Amino acid sequence: MPSLKDIRIRINSVKTTRQVTSAMKMVSAAKFKKAQDDISYIRPYVDRLAGIIYKLSGSLDEDFELEWSQVREPNKILIVPISSNRGLCGAFNANVIKEVERLCKVDFKLQNALNNVDILAIGKQAQKLLNSHGYNVVKDHNELYSHVNFENVSEIASELMEAFRSRKYDKVVLVYNEYKNAAVQIMRAEQFLPMELPSGEDAKAMVTDYIIEPDVPTFIKTVIPDALKTMFYRVMLESLASEHGARMTSMHKATDNATEMLSELQLQYNKARQGAITTEILEIVGGAEALQK
């Protein structure tokens, strides 16, 4: 049975841990509120923009070819996992790693066997774990988390678009957590390039009578690069909100567990203290009786 001193040390240690987890929860809650607001603002815009592009694509001629939607034989693949720079956020990072491994072993098994799957990591956790698992992490953009804004995100999106246009990669896939609420994140593996546009009968069914100047092909060619950057920015905001929500939930559970552990330790301490007092009383009574005899 542990001594009173050992139990006191554990109580102080758990109290310190609870203070840390409680502070981290409050910090994440403040950041989560801002990230949640950003998501609520950008989602309708991106959805509407994508809807207009998809509908207009139905009016294009069949021989119209857009460089961002060219479907090529997927010989060279780039996977972009979006994780966090710090841990202590539950299964947030682990789910990203699992999904990347699933893509490499199932969806792109042949390309992976030929060493034709590269990884551009955003977040130190993905970079560190995927490197340790033997995957080909060719580059990282961990510095992005210092300033997540449209300008910085669009630079990375332009880098991905240029790699696709120059045929360095035939397919670019984003792996990230989509925000649902503070406790739930949905794992997504989303094809970023080539951009998937409706074709055939699906495209004709979506045609809407828009008035476009100067013409639809010019408009599509002009808008899609900016639309891709905006979509990538949305993905980053989704991941950011998911991270803060996951960390806030994780730290809330950790704080509750620490409180529960403190109650158990305090009870254990009281029992040990009562036992020690009882032992001392018995020793005193025994000594007094021995003196009388």
C-alpha atoms as a PDB file:
ATOM      1  CA  MET A   1       0.000   0.000   0.000  1.00  0.00           C
ATOM      2  CA  PRO A   2       1.447   3.440  -0.933  1.00  0.00           C
ATOM      3  CA  SER A   3       2.487   5.757   1.878  1.00  0.00           C
ATOM      4  CA  LEU A   4       0.802   9.074   2.678  1.00  0.00           C
ATOM      5  CA  LYS A   5       3.736  10.929   1.112  1.00  0.00           C
ATOM      6  CA  ASP A   6       3.428   8.983  -2.156  1.00  0.00           C
ATOM      7  CA  ILE A   7      -0.302   9.693  -2.343  1.00  0.00           C
ATOM      8  CA  ARG A   8       0.261  13.422  -1.668  1.00  0.00           C
ATOM      9  CA  ILE A   9       2.836  13.548  -4.483  1.00  0.00           C
ATOM     10  CA  ARG A  10       0.362  11.914  -6.880  1.00  0.00           C
ATOM     11  CA  ILE A  11      -2.414  14.315  -5.833  1.00  0.00           C
ATOM     12  CA  ASN A  12      -0.189  17.343  -6.500  1.00  0.00           C
ATOM     13  CA  SER A  13       0.888  15.873  -9.845  1.00  0.00           C
ATOM     14  CA  VAL A  14      -2.716  15.260 -10.971  1.00  0.00           C
ATOM     15  CA  LYS A  15      -3.715  18.785  -9.861  1.00  0.00           C
ATOM     16  CA  THR A  16      -0.923  20.259 -11.993  1.00  0.00           C
ATOM     17  CA  THR A  17      -1.984  18.141 -14.975  1.00  0.00           C
ATOM     18  CA  ARG A  18      -5.603  19.237 -14.543  1.00  0.00           C
ATOM     19  CA  GLN A  19      -4.558  22.892 -14.564  1.00  0.00           C
ATOM     20  CA  VAL A  20      -2.649  22.374 -17.821  1.00  0.00           C
ATOM     21  CA  THR A  21      -5.471  20.479 -19.579  1.00  0.00           C
ATOM     22  CA  SER A  22      -8.047  23.011 -18.391  1.00  0.00           C
ATOM     23  CA  ALA A  23      -5.944  25.904 -19.747  1.00  0.00           C
ATOM     24  CA  MET A  24      -5.437  24.107 -23.083  1.00  0.00           C
ATOM     25  CA  LYS A  25      -9.180  23.505 -23.299  1.00  0.00           C
ATOM     26  CA  MET A  26      -9.879  27.222 -22.839  1.00  0.00           C
ATOM     27  CA  VAL A  27      -7.303  28.232 -25.452  1.00  0.00           C
ATOM     28  CA  SER A  28      -8.676  25.712 -27.963  1.00  0.00           C
ATOM     29  CA  ALA A  29     -12.235  26.862 -27.259  1.00  0.00           C
ATOM     30  CA  ALA A  30     -11.307  30.463 -28.153  1.00  0.00           C
ATOM     31  CA  LYS A  31      -9.533  29.392 -31.364  1.00  0.00           C
ATOM     32  CA  PHE A  32     -12.358  26.980 -32.186  1.00  0.00           C
ATOM     33  CA  LYS A  33     -14.963  29.758 -32.125  1.00  0.00           C
ATOM     34  CA  LYS A  34     -13.043  31.801 -34.714  1.00  0.00           C
ATOM     35  CA  ALA A  35     -12.414  28.749 -36.923  1.00  0.00           C
ATOM     36  CA  GLN A  36     -16.086  27.812 -36.684  1.00  0.00           C
ATOM     37  CA  ASP A  37     -17.115  31.296 -37.826  1.00  0.00           C
ATOM     38  CA  ASP A  38     -14.681  31.146 -40.770  1.00  0.00           C
ATOM     39  CA  ILE A  39     -16.177  27.826 -41.878  1.00  0.00           C
ATOM     40  CA  SER A  40     -19.743  29.134 -41.678  1.00  0.00           C
ATOM     41  CA  TYR A  41     -18.753  32.086 -43.893  1.00  0.00           C
ATOM     42  CA  ILE A  42     -16.815  30.247 -46.603  1.00  0.00           C
ATOM     43  CA  ARG A  43     -18.947  27.113 -47.064  1.00  0.00           C
ATOM     44  CA  PRO A  44     -21.923  28.806 -48.809  1.00  0.00           C
ATOM     45  CA  TYR A  45     -19.583  30.781 -51.072  1.00  0.00           C
ATOM     46  CA  VAL A  46     -17.572  27.749 -52.193  1.00  0.00           C
ATOM     47  CA  ASP A  47     -20.682  25.607 -52.668  1.00  0.00           C
ATOM     48  CA  ARG A  48     -22.328  28.286 -54.794  1.00  0.00           C
ATOM     49  CA  LEU A  49     -19.175  28.892 -56.839  1.00  0.00           C
ATOM     50  CA  ALA A  50     -18.732  25.169 -57.504  1.00  0.00           C
ATOM     51  CA  GLY A  51     -22.409  24.894 -58.451  1.00  0.00           C
ATOM     52  CA  ILE A  52     -22.097  27.666 -61.050  1.00  0.00           C
ATOM     53  CA  ILE A  53     -18.983  26.063 -62.576  1.00  0.00           C
ATOM     54  CA  TYR A  54     -20.608  22.628 -62.759  1.00  0.00           C
ATOM     55  CA  LYS A  55     -23.738  24.031 -64.387  1.00  0.00           C
ATOM     56  CA  LEU A  56     -21.841  26.120 -66.923  1.00  0.00           C
ATOM     57  CA  SER A  57     -19.657  23.160 -67.891  1.00  0.00           C
ATOM     58  CA  GLY A  58     -22.761  21.546 -69.373  1.00  0.00           C
ATOM     59  CA  SER A  59     -22.942  24.201 -72.073  1.00  0.00           C
ATOM     60  CA  LEU A  60     -19.359  23.664 -73.253  1.00  0.00           C
ATOM     61  CA  ASP A  61     -18.600  21.886 -76.514  1.00  0.00           C
ATOM     62  CA  GLU A  62     -17.470  18.291 -76.239  1.00  0.00           C
ATOM     63  CA  ASP A  63     -14.099  19.147 -77.828  1.00  0.00           C
ATOM     64  CA  PHE A  64     -13.439  21.868 -75.220  1.00  0.00           C
ATOM     65  CA  GLU A  65     -10.465  20.830 -73.127  1.00  0.00           C
ATOM     66  CA  LEU A  66      -9.612  22.382 -69.772  1.00  0.00           C
ATOM     67  CA  GLU A  67      -6.111  21.781 -68.456  1.00  0.00           C
ATOM     68  CA  TRP A  68      -7.316  21.467 -64.838  1.00  0.00           C
ATOM     69  CA  SER A  69      -9.804  18.717 -65.665  1.00  0.00           C
ATOM     70  CA  GLN A  70      -7.622  16.554 -67.932  1.00  0.00           C
ATOM     71  CA  VAL A  71      -8.048  12.924 -66.924  1.00  0.00           C
ATOM     72  CA  ARG A  72      -4.764  11.100 -67.482  1.00  0.00           C
ATOM     73  CA  GLU A  73      -3.491   7.640 -66.685  1.00  0.00           C
ATOM     74  CA  PRO A  74      -2.685   7.902 -62.947  1.00  0.00           C
ATOM     75  CA  ASN A  75       0.972   6.915 -63.117  1.00  0.00           C
ATOM     76  CA  LYS A  76       2.273   9.477 -60.633  1.00  0.00           C
ATOM     77  CA  ILE A  77       0.236  10.379 -57.545  1.00  0.00           C
ATOM     78  CA  LEU A  78       0.623  13.177 -54.997  1.00  0.00           C
ATOM     79  CA  ILE A  79      -1.143  12.825 -51.640  1.00  0.00           C
ATOM     80  CA  VAL A  80      -1.497  15.924 -49.460  1.00  0.00           C
ATOM     81  CA  PRO A  81      -2.297  14.938 -45.837  1.00  0.00           C
ATOM     82  CA  ILE A  82      -3.386  17.867 -43.664  1.00  0.00           C
ATOM     83  CA  SER A  83      -2.674  17.246 -39.981  1.00  0.00           C
ATOM     84  CA  SER A  84      -1.561  19.502 -37.109  1.00  0.00           C
ATOM     85  CA  ASN A  85       1.784  20.705 -35.801  1.00  0.00           C
ATOM     86  CA  ARG A  86       0.921  19.657 -32.247  1.00  0.00           C
ATOM     87  CA  GLY A  87      -0.595  16.573 -30.675  1.00  0.00           C
ATOM     88  CA  LEU A  88      -3.039  16.166 -27.762  1.00  0.00           C
ATOM     89  CA  CYS A  89      -6.062  16.269 -30.071  1.00  0.00           C
ATOM     90  CA  GLY A  90      -7.407  12.738 -29.816  1.00  0.00           C
ATOM     91  CA  ALA A  91      -7.531  10.682 -33.005  1.00  0.00           C
ATOM     92  CA  PHE A  92      -7.350  13.745 -35.281  1.00  0.00           C
ATOM     93  CA  ASN A  93      -3.848  13.035 -36.633  1.00  0.00           C
ATOM     94  CA  ALA A  94      -4.061   9.241 -36.383  1.00  0.00           C
ATOM     95  CA  ASN A  95      -7.100   9.195 -38.687  1.00  0.00           C
ATOM     96  CA  VAL A  96      -5.202  11.192 -41.338  1.00  0.00           C
ATOM     97  CA  ILE A  97      -2.269   8.766 -41.198  1.00  0.00           C
ATOM     98  CA  LYS A  98      -4.578   5.731 -41.434  1.00  0.00           C
ATOM     99  CA  GLU A  99      -6.332   7.170 -44.473  1.00  0.00           C
ATOM    100  CA  VAL A 100      -3.025   7.908 -46.244  1.00  0.00           C
ATOM    101  CA  GLU A 101      -1.863   4.348 -45.563  1.00  0.00           C
ATOM    102  CA  ARG A 102      -5.170   2.986 -46.872  1.00  0.00           C
ATOM    103  CA  LEU A 103      -4.811   5.003 -50.092  1.00  0.00           C
ATOM    104  CA  CYS A 104      -1.258   3.743 -50.595  1.00  0.00           C
ATOM    105  CA  LYS A 105      -2.111   0.111 -49.889  1.00  0.00           C
ATOM    106  CA  VAL A 106      -5.517  -0.100 -51.592  1.00  0.00           C
ATOM    107  CA  ASP A 107      -6.433   2.693 -54.017  1.00  0.00           C
ATOM    108  CA  PHE A 108      -2.899   3.341 -55.309  1.00  0.00           C
ATOM    109  CA  LYS A 109      -1.375  -0.041 -54.559  1.00  0.00           C
ATOM    110  CA  LEU A 110       0.235  -0.426 -58.008  1.00  0.00           C
ATOM    111  CA  GLN A 111       1.692   3.087 -58.062  1.00  0.00           C
ATOM    112  CA  ASN A 112       2.986   2.668 -54.517  1.00  0.00           C
ATOM    113  CA  ALA A 113       4.695  -0.592 -55.455  1.00  0.00           C
ATOM    114  CA  LEU A 114       6.491   1.312 -58.242  1.00  0.00           C
ATOM    115  CA  ASN A 115       7.428   4.110 -55.807  1.00  0.00           C
ATOM    116  CA  ASN A 116       5.243   6.548 -57.747  1.00  0.00           C
ATOM    117  CA  VAL A 117       3.300   7.917 -54.763  1.00  0.00           C
ATOM    118  CA  ASP A 118       4.704  11.117 -53.242  1.00  0.00           C
ATOM    119  CA  ILE A 119       3.474  12.909 -50.135  1.00  0.00           C
ATOM    120  CA  LEU A 120       3.433  16.647 -49.480  1.00  0.00           C
ATOM    121  CA  ALA A 121       2.743  16.980 -45.760  1.00  0.00           C
ATOM    122  CA  ILE A 122       1.006  19.925 -44.149  1.00  0.00           C
ATOM    123  CA  GLY A 123       1.523  19.550 -40.408  1.00  0.00           C
ATOM    124  CA  LYS A 124       4.469  18.193 -38.400  1.00  0.00           C
ATOM    125  CA  GLN A 125       2.508  15.211 -37.094  1.00  0.00           C
ATOM    126  CA  ALA A 126       1.841  13.801 -40.586  1.00  0.00           C
ATOM    127  CA  GLN A 127       5.399  14.494 -41.725  1.00  0.00           C
ATOM    128  CA  LYS A 128       6.939  12.800 -38.688  1.00  0.00           C
ATOM    129  CA  LEU A 129       4.717   9.711 -38.646  1.00  0.00           C
ATOM    130  CA  LEU A 130       4.682   9.077 -42.399  1.00  0.00           C
ATOM    131  CA  ASN A 131       8.463   9.452 -42.537  1.00  0.00           C
ATOM    132  CA  SER A 132       8.823   6.940 -39.721  1.00  0.00           C
ATOM    133  CA  HIS A 133       6.511   4.525 -41.582  1.00  0.00           C
ATOM    134  CA  GLY A 134       8.726   4.650 -44.662  1.00  0.00           C
ATOM    135  CA  TYR A 135       6.575   6.733 -47.011  1.00  0.00           C
ATOM    136  CA  ASN A 136       8.066   9.142 -49.540  1.00  0.00           C
ATOM    137  CA  VAL A 137       7.495  12.589 -47.991  1.00  0.00           C
ATOM    138  CA  VAL A 138       9.009  14.853 -50.639  1.00  0.00           C
ATOM    139  CA  LYS A 139       8.107  18.196 -49.068  1.00  0.00           C
ATOM    140  CA  ASP A 140       6.255  19.845 -46.194  1.00  0.00           C
ATOM    141  CA  HIS A 141       4.505  23.139 -45.500  1.00  0.00           C
ATOM    142  CA  ASN A 142       4.385  23.036 -41.713  1.00  0.00           C
ATOM    143  CA  GLU A 143       5.006  26.782 -41.538  1.00  0.00           C
ATOM    144  CA  LEU A 144       1.526  27.395 -42.941  1.00  0.00           C
ATOM    145  CA  TYR A 145      -0.028  27.033 -39.471  1.00  0.00           C
ATOM    146  CA  SER A 146       1.771  30.176 -38.308  1.00  0.00           C
ATOM    147  CA  HIS A 147      -0.393  32.295 -40.642  1.00  0.00           C
ATOM    148  CA  VAL A 148      -3.404  30.517 -42.157  1.00  0.00           C
ATOM    149  CA  ASN A 149      -4.775  33.052 -44.626  1.00  0.00           C
ATOM    150  CA  PHE A 150      -5.909  32.967 -48.241  1.00  0.00           C
ATOM    151  CA  GLU A 151      -2.656  34.416 -49.586  1.00  0.00           C
ATOM    152  CA  ASN A 152      -0.440  31.756 -48.006  1.00  0.00           C
ATOM    153  CA  VAL A 153      -2.834  28.921 -48.800  1.00  0.00           C
ATOM    154  CA  SER A 154      -3.225  30.010 -52.433  1.00  0.00           C
ATOM    155  CA  GLU A 155       0.561  29.814 -52.901  1.00  0.00           C
ATOM    156  CA  ILE A 156       0.488  26.121 -51.971  1.00  0.00           C
ATOM    157  CA  ALA A 157      -2.574  25.581 -54.174  1.00  0.00           C
ATOM    158  CA  SER A 158      -0.702  27.225 -57.089  1.00  0.00           C
ATOM    159  CA  GLU A 159       2.234  24.896 -56.429  1.00  0.00           C
ATOM    160  CA  LEU A 160      -0.046  21.861 -56.655  1.00  0.00           C
ATOM    161  CA  MET A 161      -1.732  23.179 -59.797  1.00  0.00           C
ATOM    162  CA  GLU A 162       1.607  23.819 -61.503  1.00  0.00           C
ATOM    163  CA  ALA A 163       2.803  20.301 -60.610  1.00  0.00           C
ATOM    164  CA  PHE A 164      -0.347  18.893 -62.242  1.00  0.00           C
ATOM    165  CA  ARG A 165      -0.172  21.139 -65.308  1.00  0.00           C
ATOM    166  CA  SER A 166       3.491  20.281 -65.927  1.00  0.00           C
ATOM    167  CA  ARG A 167       2.522  16.580 -65.750  1.00  0.00           C
ATOM    168  CA  LYS A 168       4.768  15.961 -62.766  1.00  0.00           C
ATOM    169  CA  TYR A 169       1.707  14.362 -61.162  1.00  0.00           C
ATOM    170  CA  ASP A 170      -1.361  12.887 -62.814  1.00  0.00           C
ATOM    171  CA  LYS A 171      -3.573  13.081 -59.726  1.00  0.00           C
ATOM    172  CA  VAL A 172      -3.546  15.136 -56.528  1.00  0.00           C
ATOM    173  CA  VAL A 173      -5.529  13.890 -53.519  1.00  0.00           C
ATOM    174  CA  LEU A 174      -6.226  15.845 -50.320  1.00  0.00           C
ATOM    175  CA  VAL A 175      -6.620  13.948 -47.036  1.00  0.00           C
ATOM    176  CA  TYR A 176      -8.172  15.971 -44.220  1.00  0.00           C
ATOM    177  CA  ASN A 177     -10.768  16.070 -41.438  1.00  0.00           C
ATOM    178  CA  GLU A 178     -14.001  17.775 -42.398  1.00  0.00           C
ATOM    179  CA  TYR A 179     -15.617  19.705 -39.558  1.00  0.00           C
ATOM    180  CA  LYS A 180     -19.051  18.560 -38.383  1.00  0.00           C
ATOM    181  CA  ASN A 181     -19.100  19.648 -34.757  1.00  0.00           C
ATOM    182  CA  ALA A 182     -16.701  19.953 -31.834  1.00  0.00           C
ATOM    183  CA  ALA A 183     -16.860  16.226 -31.077  1.00  0.00           C
ATOM    184  CA  VAL A 184     -17.176  14.783 -34.603  1.00  0.00           C
ATOM    185  CA  GLN A 185     -14.825  15.091 -37.583  1.00  0.00           C
ATOM    186  CA  ILE A 186     -15.409  13.303 -40.890  1.00  0.00           C
ATOM    187  CA  MET A 187     -12.392  11.804 -42.642  1.00  0.00           C
ATOM    188  CA  ARG A 188     -12.143  12.872 -46.296  1.00  0.00           C
ATOM    189  CA  ALA A 189      -9.914  11.755 -49.162  1.00  0.00           C
ATOM    190  CA  GLU A 190     -10.853  14.244 -51.880  1.00  0.00           C
ATOM    191  CA  GLN A 191      -9.528  14.451 -55.427  1.00  0.00           C
ATOM    192  CA  PHE A 192      -8.225  17.971 -55.917  1.00  0.00           C
ATOM    193  CA  LEU A 193      -6.823  17.538 -59.430  1.00  0.00           C
ATOM    194  CA  PRO A 194      -7.964  16.783 -62.048  1.00  0.00           C
ATOM    195  CA  MET A 195     -11.080  18.750 -61.201  1.00  0.00           C
ATOM    196  CA  GLU A 196     -14.113  16.556 -61.735  1.00  0.00           C
ATOM    197  CA  LEU A 197     -16.723  18.202 -63.965  1.00  0.00           C
ATOM    198  CA  PRO A 198     -20.010  16.610 -65.108  1.00  0.00           C
ATOM    199  CA  SER A 199     -20.037  15.271 -68.635  1.00  0.00           C
ATOM    200  CA  GLY A 200     -22.471  13.739 -71.114  1.00  0.00           C
ATOM    201  CA  GLU A 201     -26.131  13.615 -70.099  1.00  0.00           C
ATOM    202  CA  ASP A 202     -25.346  14.757 -66.554  1.00  0.00           C
ATOM    203  CA  ALA A 203     -23.791  17.941 -67.909  1.00  0.00           C
ATOM    204  CA  LYS A 204     -26.714  18.661 -70.244  1.00  0.00           C
ATOM    205  CA  ALA A 205     -29.192  18.197 -67.411  1.00  0.00           C
ATOM    206  CA  MET A 206     -27.386  20.843 -65.350  1.00  0.00           C
ATOM    207  CA  VAL A 207     -27.381  23.589 -67.996  1.00  0.00           C
ATOM    208  CA  THR A 208     -28.756  26.869 -66.644  1.00  0.00           C
ATOM    209  CA  ASP A 209     -29.520  29.968 -68.652  1.00  0.00           C
ATOM    210  CA  TYR A 210     -26.795  32.317 -67.371  1.00  0.00           C
ATOM    211  CA  ILE A 211     -25.702  35.469 -69.181  1.00  0.00           C
ATOM    212  CA  ILE A 212     -21.893  35.285 -69.392  1.00  0.00           C
ATOM    213  CA  GLU A 213     -19.501  37.864 -70.798  1.00  0.00           C
ATOM    214  CA  PRO A 214     -17.480  37.537 -72.968  1.00  0.00           C
ATOM    215  CA  ASP A 215     -18.319  33.813 -73.292  1.00  0.00           C
ATOM    216  CA  VAL A 216     -18.563  30.639 -71.209  1.00  0.00           C
ATOM    217  CA  PRO A 217     -15.186  29.029 -72.181  1.00  0.00           C
ATOM    218  CA  THR A 218     -13.278  32.227 -71.332  1.00  0.00           C
ATOM    219  CA  PHE A 219     -15.164  32.568 -68.066  1.00  0.00           C
ATOM    220  CA  ILE A 220     -14.465  28.934 -67.095  1.00  0.00           C
ATOM    221  CA  LYS A 221     -10.753  29.225 -67.899  1.00  0.00           C
ATOM    222  CA  THR A 222     -10.493  32.429 -65.844  1.00  0.00           C
ATOM    223  CA  VAL A 223     -12.528  31.364 -62.832  1.00  0.00           C
ATOM    224  CA  ILE A 224     -11.421  27.763 -62.241  1.00  0.00           C
ATOM    225  CA  PRO A 225      -7.844  28.556 -61.032  1.00  0.00           C
ATOM    226  CA  ASP A 226      -9.244  30.970 -58.431  1.00  0.00           C
ATOM    227  CA  ALA A 227     -11.998  28.484 -57.580  1.00  0.00           C
ATOM    228  CA  LEU A 228      -9.436  25.746 -56.943  1.00  0.00           C
ATOM    229  CA  LYS A 229      -7.487  28.050 -54.618  1.00  0.00           C
ATOM    230  CA  THR A 230     -10.676  28.906 -52.752  1.00  0.00           C
ATOM    231  CA  MET A 231     -11.620  25.237 -52.445  1.00  0.00           C
ATOM    232  CA  PHE A 232      -8.182  24.451 -51.039  1.00  0.00           C
ATOM    233  CA  TYR A 233      -8.547  27.320 -48.572  1.00  0.00           C
ATOM    234  CA  ARG A 234     -11.857  25.845 -47.457  1.00  0.00           C
ATOM    235  CA  VAL A 235     -10.187  22.469 -46.877  1.00  0.00           C
ATOM    236  CA  MET A 236      -7.558  24.137 -44.690  1.00  0.00           C
ATOM    237  CA  LEU A 237     -10.253  25.908 -42.651  1.00  0.00           C
ATOM    238  CA  GLU A 238     -12.172  22.629 -42.285  1.00  0.00           C
ATOM    239  CA  SER A 239      -9.052  20.936 -40.942  1.00  0.00           C
ATOM    240  CA  LEU A 240      -8.259  23.851 -38.634  1.00  0.00           C
ATOM    241  CA  ALA A 241     -11.750  23.887 -37.111  1.00  0.00           C
ATOM    242  CA  SER A 242     -11.641  20.093 -36.728  1.00  0.00           C
ATOM    243  CA  GLU A 243      -8.270  20.284 -34.976  1.00  0.00           C
ATOM    244  CA  HIS A 244      -9.392  22.883 -32.427  1.00  0.00           C
ATOM    245  CA  GLY A 245     -12.658  21.018 -31.851  1.00  0.00           C
ATOM    246  CA  ALA A 246     -10.837  17.707 -31.363  1.00  0.00           C
ATOM    247  CA  ARG A 247      -8.292  19.260 -28.979  1.00  0.00           C
ATOM    248  CA  MET A 248     -10.995  21.042 -26.996  1.00  0.00           C
ATOM    249  CA  THR A 249     -12.960  17.796 -26.624  1.00  0.00           C
ATOM    250  CA  SER A 250      -9.830  15.820 -25.772  1.00  0.00           C
ATOM    251  CA  MET A 251      -8.723  18.306 -23.118  1.00  0.00           C
ATOM    252  CA  HIS A 252     -12.251  18.417 -21.672  1.00  0.00           C
ATOM    253  CA  LYS A 253     -12.173  14.633 -21.236  1.00  0.00           C
ATOM    254  CA  ALA A 254      -8.675  14.798 -19.779  1.00  0.00           C
ATOM    255  CA  THR A 255      -9.781  17.438 -17.257  1.00  0.00           C
ATOM    256  CA  ASP A 256     -12.785  15.333 -16.240  1.00  0.00           C
ATOM    257  CA  ASN A 257     -10.570  12.258 -15.865  1.00  0.00           C
ATOM    258  CA  ALA A 258      -8.124  14.214 -13.711  1.00  0.00           C
ATOM    259  CA  THR A 259     -10.982  15.417 -11.484  1.00  0.00           C
ATOM    260  CA  GLU A 260     -12.245  11.853 -11.106  1.00  0.00           C
ATOM    261  CA  MET A 261      -8.744  10.603 -10.314  1.00  0.00           C
ATOM    262  CA  LEU A 262      -8.309  13.348  -7.705  1.00  0.00           C
ATOM    263  CA  SER A 263     -11.487  12.188  -5.930  1.00  0.00           C
ATOM    264  CA  GLU A 264     -10.219   8.601  -5.859  1.00  0.00           C
ATOM    265  CA  LEU A 265      -6.775   9.658  -4.622  1.00  0.00           C
ATOM    266  CA  GLN A 266      -8.292  11.889  -1.937  1.00  0.00           C
ATOM    267  CA  LEU A 267     -10.419   8.977  -0.729  1.00  0.00           C
ATOM    268  CA  GLN A 268      -7.377   6.709  -0.769  1.00  0.00           C
ATOM    269  CA  TYR A 269      -5.400   9.349   1.165  1.00  0.00           C
ATOM    270  CA  ASN A 270      -8.136   9.705   3.792  1.00  0.00           C
ATOM    271  CA  LYS A 271      -8.309   5.949   4.266  1.00  0.00           C
ATOM    272  CA  ALA A 272      -4.522   5.689   4.622  1.00  0.00           C
ATOM    273  CA  ARG A 273      -4.474   8.625   7.043  1.00  0.00           C
ATOM    274  CA  GLN A 274      -7.290   7.118   9.117  1.00  0.00           C
ATOM    275  CA  GLY A 275      -5.434   3.814   9.168  1.00  0.00           C
ATOM    276  CA  ALA A 276      -2.253   5.528  10.343  1.00  0.00           C
ATOM    277  CA  ILE A 277      -4.139   7.357  13.115  1.00  0.00           C
ATOM    278  CA  THR A 278      -5.828   4.145  14.229  1.00  0.00           C
ATOM    279  CA  THR A 279      -2.459   2.378  14.330  1.00  0.00           C
ATOM    280  CA  GLU A 280      -0.953   5.179  16.441  1.00  0.00           C
ATOM    281  CA  ILE A 281      -3.886   5.066  18.874  1.00  0.00           C
ATOM    282  CA  LEU A 282      -3.564   1.296  19.245  1.00  0.00           C
ATOM    283  CA  GLU A 283       0.162   1.657  19.891  1.00  0.00           C
ATOM    284  CA  ILE A 284      -0.472   4.315  22.581  1.00  0.00           C
ATOM    285  CA  VAL A 285      -3.187   2.216  24.252  1.00  0.00           C
ATOM    286  CA  GLY A 286      -0.984  -0.858  24.096  1.00  0.00           C
ATOM    287  CA  GLY A 287       1.927   1.044  25.633  1.00  0.00           C
ATOM    288  CA  ALA A 288      -0.267   2.437  28.440  1.00  0.00           C
ATOM    289  CA  GLU A 289      -1.590  -1.010  29.304  1.00  0.00           C
ATOM    290  CA  ALA A 290       1.937  -2.426  29.354  1.00  0.00           C
ATOM    291  CA  LEU A 291       3.045   0.298  31.803  1.00  0.00           C
ATOM    292  CA  GLN A 292       0.111  -0.416  34.147  1.00  0.00           C
ATOM    293  CA  LYS A 293       0.945  -4.086  34.242  1.00  0.00           C
END
